[in-house]
C-alpha atoms as a PDB file:
ATOM      1  CA  MET A   1       0.032  -0.317   0.002  1.00  0.00           C
ATOM      2  CA  SER A   2       1.344   3.374  -0.748  1.00  0.00           C
ATOM      3  CA  MET A   3       1.658   6.233   1.783  1.00  0.00           C
ATOM      4  CA  LYS A   4      -0.556   8.500   0.005  1.00  0.00           C
ATOM      5  CA  ASN A   5      -3.329   5.716   0.406  1.00  0.00           C
ATOM      6  CA  SER A   6      -2.157   5.242   3.745  1.00  0.00           C
ATOM      7  CA  ASN A   7      -2.675   8.714   4.587  1.00  0.00           C
ATOM      8  CA  ALA A   8      -5.902   8.876   2.704  1.00  0.00           C
ATOM      9  CA  GLU A   9      -8.119   5.899   4.507  1.00  0.00           C
ATOM     10  CA  THR A  10      -6.604   7.614   7.905  1.00  0.00           C
ATOM     11  CA  ARG A  11      -7.949  10.843   7.253  1.00  0.00           C
ATOM     12  CA  ALA A  12     -11.006   9.256   5.717  1.00  0.00           C
ATOM     13  CA  ALA A  13     -11.403   7.049   9.134  1.00  0.00           C
ATOM     14  CA  LEU A  14     -10.666  10.556  10.901  1.00  0.00           C
ATOM     15  CA  ALA A  15     -13.603  12.057   8.826  1.00  0.00           C
ATOM     16  CA  ASN A  16     -16.011   9.352   9.781  1.00  0.00           C
ATOM     17  CA  ARG A  17     -15.114   9.430  13.635  1.00  0.00           C
ATOM     18  CA  LEU A  18     -15.443  13.273  13.454  1.00  0.00           C
ATOM     19  CA  PHE A  19     -18.897  13.100  11.759  1.00  0.00           C
ATOM     20  CA  PHE A  20     -20.147  10.260  14.018  1.00  0.00           C
ATOM     21  CA  ARG A  21     -19.338  12.730  17.165  1.00  0.00           C
ATOM     22  CA  LEU A  22     -20.753  15.422  15.544  1.00  0.00           C
ATOM     23  CA  TYR A  23     -23.959  13.536  14.773  1.00  0.00           C
ATOM     24  CA  GLN A  24     -24.079  11.752  18.851  1.00  0.00           C
ATOM     25  CA  CYS A  25     -23.403  15.502  20.584  1.00  0.00           C
ATOM     26  CA  ALA A  26     -26.515  16.879  17.868  1.00  0.00           C
ATOM     27  CA  ASN A  27     -28.795  14.109  19.446  1.00  0.00           C
ATOM     28  CA  MET A  28     -27.537  14.294  22.915  1.00  0.00           C
ATOM     29  CA  LEU A  29     -27.631  18.096  22.722  1.00  0.00           C
ATOM     30  CA  HIS A  30     -31.280  17.761  21.864  1.00  0.00           C
ATOM     31  CA  LYS A  31     -32.236  15.319  24.053  1.00  0.00           C
ATOM     32  CA  THR A  32     -30.022  16.503  27.413  1.00  0.00           C
ATOM     33  CA  GLY A  33     -30.666  19.988  26.750  1.00  0.00           C
ATOM     34  CA  SER A  34     -34.675  19.443  26.253  1.00  0.00           C
ATOM     35  CA  ARG A  35     -34.728  17.885  29.558  1.00  0.00           C
ATOM     36  CA  ALA A  36     -32.931  20.772  31.180  1.00  0.00           C
ATOM     37  CA  ILE A  37     -35.448  22.970  30.112  1.00  0.00           C
ATOM     38  CA  GLU A  38     -38.745  20.727  29.849  1.00  0.00           C
ATOM     39  CA  ALA A  39     -40.259  22.407  33.306  1.00  0.00           C
ATOM     40  CA  GLU A  40     -40.670  25.723  31.142  1.00  0.00           C
ATOM     41  CA  GLY A  41     -41.755  23.783  28.585  1.00  0.00           C
ATOM     42  CA  LEU A  42     -39.934  24.616  25.416  1.00  0.00           C
ATOM     43  CA  THR A  43     -37.486  22.416  23.532  1.00  0.00           C
ATOM     44  CA  THR A  44     -34.614  22.628  22.117  1.00  0.00           C
ATOM     45  CA  GLN A  45     -35.395  23.987  18.541  1.00  0.00           C
ATOM     46  CA  GLN A  46     -37.842  26.647  20.962  1.00  0.00           C
ATOM     47  CA  TRP A  47     -34.263  27.565  23.164  1.00  0.00           C
ATOM     48  CA  ALA A  48     -32.873  28.639  19.947  1.00  0.00           C
ATOM     49  CA  VAL A  49     -35.843  30.455  18.379  1.00  0.00           C
ATOM     50  CA  LEU A  50     -36.126  32.538  21.036  1.00  0.00           C
ATOM     51  CA  GLY A  51     -32.289  32.665  21.813  1.00  0.00           C
ATOM     52  CA  ALA A  52     -32.095  34.343  17.963  1.00  0.00           C
ATOM     53  CA  LEU A  53     -35.500  36.340  19.092  1.00  0.00           C
ATOM     54  CA  SER A  54     -33.146  37.720  22.305  1.00  0.00           C
ATOM     55  CA  ARG A  55     -30.611  39.272  20.480  1.00  0.00           C
ATOM     56  CA  PRO A  56     -30.897  43.149  20.831  1.00  0.00           C
ATOM     57  CA  GLU A  57     -30.672  42.874  16.952  1.00  0.00           C
ATOM     58  CA  ALA A  58     -33.921  41.133  16.847  1.00  0.00           C
ATOM     59  CA  GLY A  59     -35.483  43.325  19.024  1.00  0.00           C
ATOM     60  CA  ALA A  60     -38.188  44.732  16.339  1.00  0.00           C
ATOM     61  CA  GLY A  61     -38.475  41.166  15.247  1.00  0.00           C
ATOM     62  CA  MET A  62     -37.322  39.050  12.663  1.00  0.00           C
ATOM     63  CA  LYS A  63     -39.378  37.371   9.497  1.00  0.00           C
ATOM     64  CA  LEU A  64     -39.775  33.530   9.154  1.00  0.00           C
ATOM     65  CA  GLY A  65     -37.829  33.038   6.280  1.00  0.00           C
ATOM     66  CA  GLU A  66     -34.433  35.306   7.931  1.00  0.00           C
ATOM     67  CA  LEU A  67     -34.955  33.564  11.157  1.00  0.00           C
ATOM     68  CA  ALA A  68     -34.943  29.957   9.188  1.00  0.00           C
ATOM     69  CA  ARG A  69     -31.650  31.628   7.733  1.00  0.00           C
ATOM     70  CA  TYR A  70     -30.424  32.536  10.899  1.00  0.00           C
ATOM     71  CA  LEU A  71     -31.058  28.945  12.179  1.00  0.00           C
ATOM     72  CA  MET A  72     -30.233  27.286   9.229  1.00  0.00           C
ATOM     73  CA  VAL A  73     -33.338  25.332   9.019  1.00  0.00           C
ATOM     74  CA  SER A  74     -36.393  25.053   6.561  1.00  0.00           C
ATOM     75  CA  ARG A  75     -38.993  27.645   6.569  1.00  0.00           C
ATOM     76  CA  GLN A  76     -41.597  24.252   7.094  1.00  0.00           C
ATOM     77  CA  ASN A  77     -39.783  23.118  10.352  1.00  0.00           C
ATOM     78  CA  LEU A  78     -39.492  26.851  11.470  1.00  0.00           C
ATOM     79  CA  ALA A  79     -42.882  27.183  11.155  1.00  0.00           C
ATOM     80  CA  GLY A  80     -43.870  24.586  13.317  1.00  0.00           C
ATOM     81  CA  VAL A  81     -41.810  25.227  16.030  1.00  0.00           C
ATOM     82  CA  VAL A  82     -43.107  29.395  15.906  1.00  0.00           C
ATOM     83  CA  GLY A  83     -46.870  28.279  15.667  1.00  0.00           C
ATOM     84  CA  ARG A  84     -46.420  26.520  19.300  1.00  0.00           C
ATOM     85  CA  LEU A  85     -44.395  29.017  20.571  1.00  0.00           C
ATOM     86  CA  GLU A  86     -47.348  31.715  19.198  1.00  0.00           C
ATOM     87  CA  ARG A  87     -49.900  29.597  20.749  1.00  0.00           C
ATOM     88  CA  ASP A  88     -47.888  29.132  24.244  1.00  0.00           C
ATOM     89  CA  GLY A  89     -47.929  33.356  24.406  1.00  0.00           C
ATOM     90  CA  ARG A  90     -44.143  33.133  23.961  1.00  0.00           C
ATOM     91  CA  VAL A  91     -43.926  35.063  20.576  1.00  0.00           C
ATOM     92  CA  GLU A  92     -46.272  37.106  18.648  1.00  0.00           C
ATOM     93  CA  SER A  93     -45.968  37.880  14.741  1.00  0.00           C
ATOM     94  CA  ALA A  94     -47.191  41.377  13.619  1.00  0.00           C
ATOM     95  CA  ALA A  95     -47.027  43.083  10.056  1.00  0.00           C
ATOM     96  CA  ASP A  96     -44.039  44.324   9.572  1.00  0.00           C
ATOM     97  CA  PRO A  97     -44.078  48.338   9.239  1.00  0.00           C
ATOM     98  CA  ALA A  98     -41.495  48.114   5.972  1.00  0.00           C
ATOM     99  CA  ASP A  99     -43.412  45.709   4.043  1.00  0.00           C
ATOM    100  CA  GLY A 100     -47.036  45.060   5.084  1.00  0.00           C
ATOM    101  CA  ARG A 101     -46.726  41.650   3.450  1.00  0.00           C
ATOM    102  CA  SER A 102     -44.230  40.629   5.668  1.00  0.00           C
ATOM    103  CA  ARG A 103     -44.825  39.777   9.047  1.00  0.00           C
ATOM    104  CA  LEU A 104     -42.164  39.606  12.265  1.00  0.00           C
ATOM    105  CA  ILE A 105     -42.196  37.480  14.679  1.00  0.00           C
ATOM    106  CA  ARG A 106     -40.975  38.495  17.957  1.00  0.00           C
ATOM    107  CA  MET A 107     -41.058  37.808  21.307  1.00  0.00           C
ATOM    108  CA  THR A 108     -43.760  38.583  23.671  1.00  0.00           C
ATOM    109  CA  VAL A 109     -43.449  40.280  27.493  1.00  0.00           C
ATOM    110  CA  PRO A 110     -44.699  37.156  28.872  1.00  0.00           C
ATOM    111  CA  GLY A 111     -42.096  35.354  26.576  1.00  0.00           C
ATOM    112  CA  ARG A 112     -39.218  37.206  27.322  1.00  0.00           C
ATOM    113  CA  GLN A 113     -39.689  37.237  31.333  1.00  0.00           C
ATOM    114  CA  VAL A 114     -39.428  33.283  30.567  1.00  0.00           C
ATOM    115  CA  TRP A 115     -36.973  33.234  28.496  1.00  0.00           C
ATOM    116  CA  GLN A 116     -34.925  36.019  30.990  1.00  0.00           C
ATOM    117  CA  ARG A 117     -35.943  34.331  34.156  1.00  0.00           C
ATOM    118  CA  LYS A 118     -36.670  30.559  34.179  1.00  0.00           C
ATOM    119  CA  ALA A 119     -35.160  29.310  31.263  1.00  0.00           C
ATOM    120  CA  LEU A 120     -31.728  31.223  30.739  1.00  0.00           C
ATOM    121  CA  PRO A 121     -30.557  30.285  34.242  1.00  0.00           C
ATOM    122  CA  LYS A 122     -31.111  26.556  33.258  1.00  0.00           C
ATOM    123  CA  ILE A 123     -29.454  27.062  30.310  1.00  0.00           C
ATOM    124  CA  HIS A 124     -26.360  28.376  31.309  1.00  0.00           C
ATOM    125  CA  ALA A 125     -26.435  25.348  34.131  1.00  0.00           C
ATOM    126  CA  TYR A 126     -26.941  23.153  31.442  1.00  0.00           C
ATOM    127  CA  TYR A 127     -23.789  24.697  29.808  1.00  0.00           C
ATOM    128  CA  GLU A 128     -21.544  24.337  32.757  1.00  0.00           C
ATOM    129  CA  GLN A 129     -22.328  21.136  33.223  1.00  0.00           C
ATOM    130  CA  ALA A 130     -21.616  20.108  29.179  1.00  0.00           C
ATOM    131  CA  LEU A 131     -18.621  21.929  29.168  1.00  0.00           C
ATOM    132  CA  ASP A 132     -16.769  20.199  32.418  1.00  0.00           C
ATOM    133  CA  GLY A 133     -13.297  20.108  32.046  1.00  0.00           C
ATOM    134  CA  PHE A 134     -12.988  22.568  28.738  1.00  0.00           C
ATOM    135  CA  SER A 135     -10.977  25.281  29.619  1.00  0.00           C
ATOM    136  CA  SER A 136     -11.626  28.622  27.764  1.00  0.00           C
ATOM    137  CA  ASN A 137      -9.222  28.269  25.300  1.00  0.00           C
ATOM    138  CA  ASP A 138     -10.433  24.590  24.450  1.00  0.00           C
ATOM    139  CA  MET A 139     -14.161  26.715  24.167  1.00  0.00           C
ATOM    140  CA  VAL A 140     -12.596  29.175  21.661  1.00  0.00           C
ATOM    141  CA  HIS A 141     -10.488  26.903  19.899  1.00  0.00           C
ATOM    142  CA  THR A 142     -13.356  24.522  19.387  1.00  0.00           C
ATOM    143  CA  VAL A 143     -15.896  27.477  18.062  1.00  0.00           C
ATOM    144  CA  HIS A 144     -13.166  27.875  15.672  1.00  0.00           C
ATOM    145  CA  TYR A 145     -13.188  24.715  13.997  1.00  0.00           C
ATOM    146  CA  LEU A 146     -16.784  24.714  13.850  1.00  0.00           C
ATOM    147  CA  LEU A 147     -17.409  27.720  12.604  1.00  0.00           C
ATOM    148  CA  LYS A 148     -14.688  26.658   9.736  1.00  0.00           C
ATOM    149  CA  MET A 149     -16.498  23.555   9.327  1.00  0.00           C
ATOM    150  CA  LEU A 150     -20.102  24.987   9.201  1.00  0.00           C
ATOM    151  CA  GLU A 151     -18.625  27.984   6.387  1.00  0.00           C
ATOM    152  CA  ASN A 152     -17.364  24.781   4.008  1.00  0.00           C
ATOM    153  CA  MET A 153     -21.156  23.320   4.550  1.00  0.00           C
ATOM    154  CA  LYS A 154     -22.808  26.514   3.140  1.00  0.00           C
ATOM    155  CA  GLN A 155     -20.667  26.368   0.339  1.00  0.00           C
ATOM    156  CA  ILE A 156     -22.102  22.627  -0.192  1.00  0.00           C
ATOM    157  CA  ASP A 157     -25.409  23.791   0.243  1.00  0.00           C
ATOM    158  CA  GLU A 158     -25.021  27.014  -1.739  1.00  0.00           C
ATOM    159  CA  ALA A 159     -23.986  24.756  -4.658  1.00  0.00           C
ATOM    160  CA  ASP A 160     -26.248  22.302  -3.923  1.00  0.00           C
ATOM    161  CA  GLY A 161     -29.133  24.870  -4.073  1.00  0.00           C
ATOM    162  CA  GLU A 162     -27.449  25.592  -7.261  1.00  0.00           C
ATOM    163  CA  GLU A 163     -28.132  22.445  -9.433  1.00  0.00           C
ATOM    164  CA  GLU A 164     -31.468  22.280  -8.226  1.00  0.00           C
ATOM    165  CA  GLU A 165     -32.955  25.628 -10.084  1.00  0.00           C
END
């Protein structure tokens, strides 16, 4: 076996381990993260939506498509999550003053109170448990590598999207 072939096999095996661990982490985030905030009636998907809407730059609200792009989920999946949050009084949608045909999704006052007073303390405690043994430096490096992978995946997604048109 040539050295080049051996390196390619090693790289493929490492890539397989990396993506499998990423898959496992995503599944465990959904399972254990949801458990951390279930008393507030939230899922990890709802947590992500409320987190996105809680940012200062989203104070006026976000259009569904904008929110879907930010969270990197389909509009269809997001519509169901937002619908449940709206039913529970956590978010509301209102006409966009800049474009009357569009609607802006924003957190309600009770939704913001649940987010800030009840969910966030539990989320922060969950982060501390999940990141036990991680130094700040470890976290910076992990974010760096995940962003690098995410950028590559976005390029794949854009190339696939061009082929579908």
